[in-house]
């Protein structure tokens, strides 16, 4: 296989996670994973794994509650009835005006002499 020494900028995508929210997501996800693993071990071995399951539940609930306390998702949310500017340099008002112009031309009566 050929080795390329080119440096590419890569693809970046901002999903809105800060280091704190990323840490809380990892905490909650680890708790859920620990609960699933504890359940699997309990099914296979038949032994009590209540402590592992309880630790996972505490991590899941703790991470989720801390995220809600920090992010407060119930205070800001998008209103689907209000269009947002897509960052293309033009607002929705221009598109609406252009669409209205097209509609008026589409419904104009044709001249009497022009038959198809």
C-alpha atoms as a PDB file:
ATOM      1  CA  UNK A   1       0.000   0.000   0.000  1.00  0.00           C
ATOM      2  CA  UNK A   2       1.221   3.465  -0.774  1.00  0.00           C
ATOM      3  CA  UNK A   3       1.917   5.884   2.017  1.00  0.00           C
ATOM      4  CA  UNK A   4       0.871   9.472   1.483  1.00  0.00           C
ATOM      5  CA  UNK A   5       2.651  12.288   3.246  1.00  0.00           C
ATOM      6  CA  UNK A   6      -0.049  14.778   2.303  1.00  0.00           C
ATOM      7  CA  UNK A   7      -1.665  16.661   5.080  1.00  0.00           C
ATOM      8  CA  UNK A   8      -5.378  17.049   4.698  1.00  0.00           C
ATOM      9  CA  UNK A   9      -7.387  19.442   6.821  1.00  0.00           C
ATOM     10  CA  UNK A  10      -9.827  16.681   7.692  1.00  0.00           C
ATOM     11  CA  UNK A  11     -13.510  17.034   8.265  1.00  0.00           C
ATOM     12  CA  UNK A  12     -14.619  18.884  11.336  1.00  0.00           C
ATOM     13  CA  UNK A  13     -18.160  19.040  12.611  1.00  0.00           C
ATOM     14  CA  UNK A  14     -19.200  21.102  15.580  1.00  0.00           C
ATOM     15  CA  UNK A  15     -21.890  19.242  17.502  1.00  0.00           C
ATOM     16  CA  UNK A  16     -22.018  21.790  20.295  1.00  0.00           C
ATOM     17  CA  UNK A  17     -20.172  19.851  22.982  1.00  0.00           C
ATOM     18  CA  UNK A  18     -17.985  21.732  25.414  1.00  0.00           C
ATOM     19  CA  UNK A  19     -15.397  19.814  27.454  1.00  0.00           C
ATOM     20  CA  UNK A  20     -17.838  19.761  30.389  1.00  0.00           C
ATOM     21  CA  UNK A  21     -20.781  18.423  28.401  1.00  0.00           C
ATOM     22  CA  UNK A  22     -18.517  15.908  26.671  1.00  0.00           C
ATOM     23  CA  UNK A  23     -17.350  14.669  30.072  1.00  0.00           C
ATOM     24  CA  UNK A  24     -20.929  14.362  31.286  1.00  0.00           C
ATOM     25  CA  UNK A  25     -21.881  12.448  28.135  1.00  0.00           C
ATOM     26  CA  UNK A  26     -18.974  10.069  28.713  1.00  0.00           C
ATOM     27  CA  UNK A  27     -19.996   9.645  32.368  1.00  0.00           C
ATOM     28  CA  UNK A  28     -23.622   8.869  31.517  1.00  0.00           C
ATOM     29  CA  UNK A  29     -22.646   6.600  28.618  1.00  0.00           C
ATOM     30  CA  UNK A  30     -20.154   4.722  30.773  1.00  0.00           C
ATOM     31  CA  UNK A  31     -22.836   4.230  33.399  1.00  0.00           C
ATOM     32  CA  UNK A  32     -25.225   2.796  30.838  1.00  0.00           C
ATOM     33  CA  UNK A  33     -22.488   0.540  29.470  1.00  0.00           C
ATOM     34  CA  UNK A  34     -21.622  -0.655  32.982  1.00  0.00           C
ATOM     35  CA  UNK A  35     -25.285  -1.477  33.641  1.00  0.00           C
ATOM     36  CA  UNK A  36     -25.512  -3.515  30.428  1.00  0.00           C
ATOM     37  CA  UNK A  37     -22.263  -5.375  31.155  1.00  0.00           C
ATOM     38  CA  UNK A  38     -23.385  -6.071  34.735  1.00  0.00           C
ATOM     39  CA  UNK A  39     -26.658  -7.468  33.431  1.00  0.00           C
ATOM     40  CA  UNK A  40     -24.808  -9.688  30.954  1.00  0.00           C
ATOM     41  CA  UNK A  41     -22.427 -10.985  33.610  1.00  0.00           C
ATOM     42  CA  UNK A  42     -25.352 -11.646  35.926  1.00  0.00           C
ATOM     43  CA  UNK A  43     -27.177 -13.654  33.264  1.00  0.00           C
ATOM     44  CA  UNK A  44     -24.111 -15.717  32.334  1.00  0.00           C
ATOM     45  CA  UNK A  45     -22.724 -16.427  35.815  1.00  0.00           C
ATOM     46  CA  UNK A  46     -25.901 -16.222  37.827  1.00  0.00           C
ATOM     47  CA  UNK A  47     -24.039 -14.361  40.555  1.00  0.00           C
ATOM     48  CA  UNK A  48     -25.127 -11.125  42.091  1.00  0.00           C
ATOM     49  CA  UNK A  49     -23.703  -8.105  40.337  1.00  0.00           C
ATOM     50  CA  UNK A  50     -25.879  -5.592  42.097  1.00  0.00           C
ATOM     51  CA  UNK A  51     -22.961  -3.355  43.048  1.00  0.00           C
ATOM     52  CA  UNK A  52     -21.792  -2.976  39.424  1.00  0.00           C
ATOM     53  CA  UNK A  53     -25.341  -2.299  38.285  1.00  0.00           C
ATOM     54  CA  UNK A  54     -25.857   0.269  41.066  1.00  0.00           C
ATOM     55  CA  UNK A  55     -22.608   2.068  40.175  1.00  0.00           C
ATOM     56  CA  UNK A  56     -23.700   2.197  36.543  1.00  0.00           C
ATOM     57  CA  UNK A  57     -27.108   3.553  37.519  1.00  0.00           C
ATOM     58  CA  UNK A  58     -25.517   6.236  39.705  1.00  0.00           C
ATOM     59  CA  UNK A  59     -23.188   7.269  36.860  1.00  0.00           C
ATOM     60  CA  UNK A  60     -26.052   7.377  34.332  1.00  0.00           C
ATOM     61  CA  UNK A  61     -28.380   9.359  36.567  1.00  0.00           C
ATOM     62  CA  UNK A  62     -25.609  11.631  37.856  1.00  0.00           C
ATOM     63  CA  UNK A  63     -24.351  12.468  34.362  1.00  0.00           C
ATOM     64  CA  UNK A  64     -27.866  13.084  33.071  1.00  0.00           C
ATOM     65  CA  UNK A  65     -28.930  15.295  35.990  1.00  0.00           C
ATOM     66  CA  UNK A  66     -25.684  17.294  35.833  1.00  0.00           C
ATOM     67  CA  UNK A  67     -26.139  17.800  32.073  1.00  0.00           C
ATOM     68  CA  UNK A  68     -29.693  19.081  32.578  1.00  0.00           C
ATOM     69  CA  UNK A  69     -28.486  21.401  35.364  1.00  0.00           C
ATOM     70  CA  UNK A  70     -25.689  22.836  33.193  1.00  0.00           C
ATOM     71  CA  UNK A  71     -27.320  22.951  29.759  1.00  0.00           C
ATOM     72  CA  UNK A  72     -30.880  23.791  30.867  1.00  0.00           C
ATOM     73  CA  UNK A  73     -32.459  22.466  27.641  1.00  0.00           C
ATOM     74  CA  UNK A  74     -35.930  23.482  28.774  1.00  0.00           C
ATOM     75  CA  UNK A  75     -35.086  27.216  28.677  1.00  0.00           C
ATOM     76  CA  UNK A  76     -34.045  27.524  25.038  1.00  0.00           C
ATOM     77  CA  UNK A  77     -35.394  25.581  22.118  1.00  0.00           C
ATOM     78  CA  UNK A  78     -36.016  26.198  18.447  1.00  0.00           C
ATOM     79  CA  UNK A  79     -39.370  27.450  17.254  1.00  0.00           C
ATOM     80  CA  UNK A  80     -40.147  25.548  14.080  1.00  0.00           C
ATOM     81  CA  UNK A  81     -42.449  28.355  12.936  1.00  0.00           C
ATOM     82  CA  UNK A  82     -39.574  30.860  12.757  1.00  0.00           C
ATOM     83  CA  UNK A  83     -37.211  30.269   9.812  1.00  0.00           C
ATOM     84  CA  UNK A  84     -33.511  30.715  10.493  1.00  0.00           C
ATOM     85  CA  UNK A  85     -31.017  32.214   8.086  1.00  0.00           C
ATOM     86  CA  UNK A  86     -29.049  29.348   6.603  1.00  0.00           C
ATOM     87  CA  UNK A  87     -25.919  31.492   6.254  1.00  0.00           C
ATOM     88  CA  UNK A  88     -26.164  31.726   2.475  1.00  0.00           C
ATOM     89  CA  UNK A  89     -26.304  35.509   2.452  1.00  0.00           C
ATOM     90  CA  UNK A  90     -30.002  35.848   1.822  1.00  0.00           C
ATOM     91  CA  UNK A  91     -33.002  35.632   4.041  1.00  0.00           C
ATOM     92  CA  UNK A  92     -36.310  33.908   3.521  1.00  0.00           C
ATOM     93  CA  UNK A  93     -38.033  37.179   2.650  1.00  0.00           C
ATOM     94  CA  UNK A  94     -36.260  37.303  -0.711  1.00  0.00           C
ATOM     95  CA  UNK A  95     -37.283  33.733  -1.506  1.00  0.00           C
ATOM     96  CA  UNK A  96     -40.893  34.445  -0.548  1.00  0.00           C
ATOM     97  CA  UNK A  97     -40.965  37.562  -2.719  1.00  0.00           C
ATOM     98  CA  UNK A  98     -39.466  35.644  -5.648  1.00  0.00           C
ATOM     99  CA  UNK A  99     -41.990  32.818  -5.225  1.00  0.00           C
ATOM    100  CA  UNK A 100     -44.854  35.315  -5.122  1.00  0.00           C
ATOM    101  CA  UNK A 101     -43.623  36.887  -8.383  1.00  0.00           C
ATOM    102  CA  UNK A 102     -43.459  33.479 -10.048  1.00  0.00           C
ATOM    103  CA  UNK A 103     -47.005  32.675  -8.903  1.00  0.00           C
ATOM    104  CA  UNK A 104     -48.443  35.851 -10.414  1.00  0.00           C
ATOM    105  CA  UNK A 105     -46.845  35.097 -13.798  1.00  0.00           C
ATOM    106  CA  UNK A 106     -48.020  31.500 -13.729  1.00  0.00           C
ATOM    107  CA  UNK A 107     -51.685  32.456 -13.314  1.00  0.00           C
ATOM    108  CA  UNK A 108     -51.870  35.297 -15.842  1.00  0.00           C
ATOM    109  CA  UNK A 109     -54.549  34.772 -18.471  1.00  0.00           C
ATOM    110  CA  UNK A 110     -53.224  34.153 -21.959  1.00  0.00           C
ATOM    111  CA  UNK A 111     -54.044  36.427 -24.862  1.00  0.00           C
ATOM    112  CA  UNK A 112     -57.084  35.391 -26.904  1.00  0.00           C
ATOM    113  CA  UNK A 113     -55.073  34.798 -30.020  1.00  0.00           C
ATOM    114  CA  UNK A 114     -52.555  32.441 -28.414  1.00  0.00           C
ATOM    115  CA  UNK A 115     -53.913  28.894 -28.410  1.00  0.00           C
ATOM    116  CA  UNK A 116     -51.791  25.807 -27.965  1.00  0.00           C
END
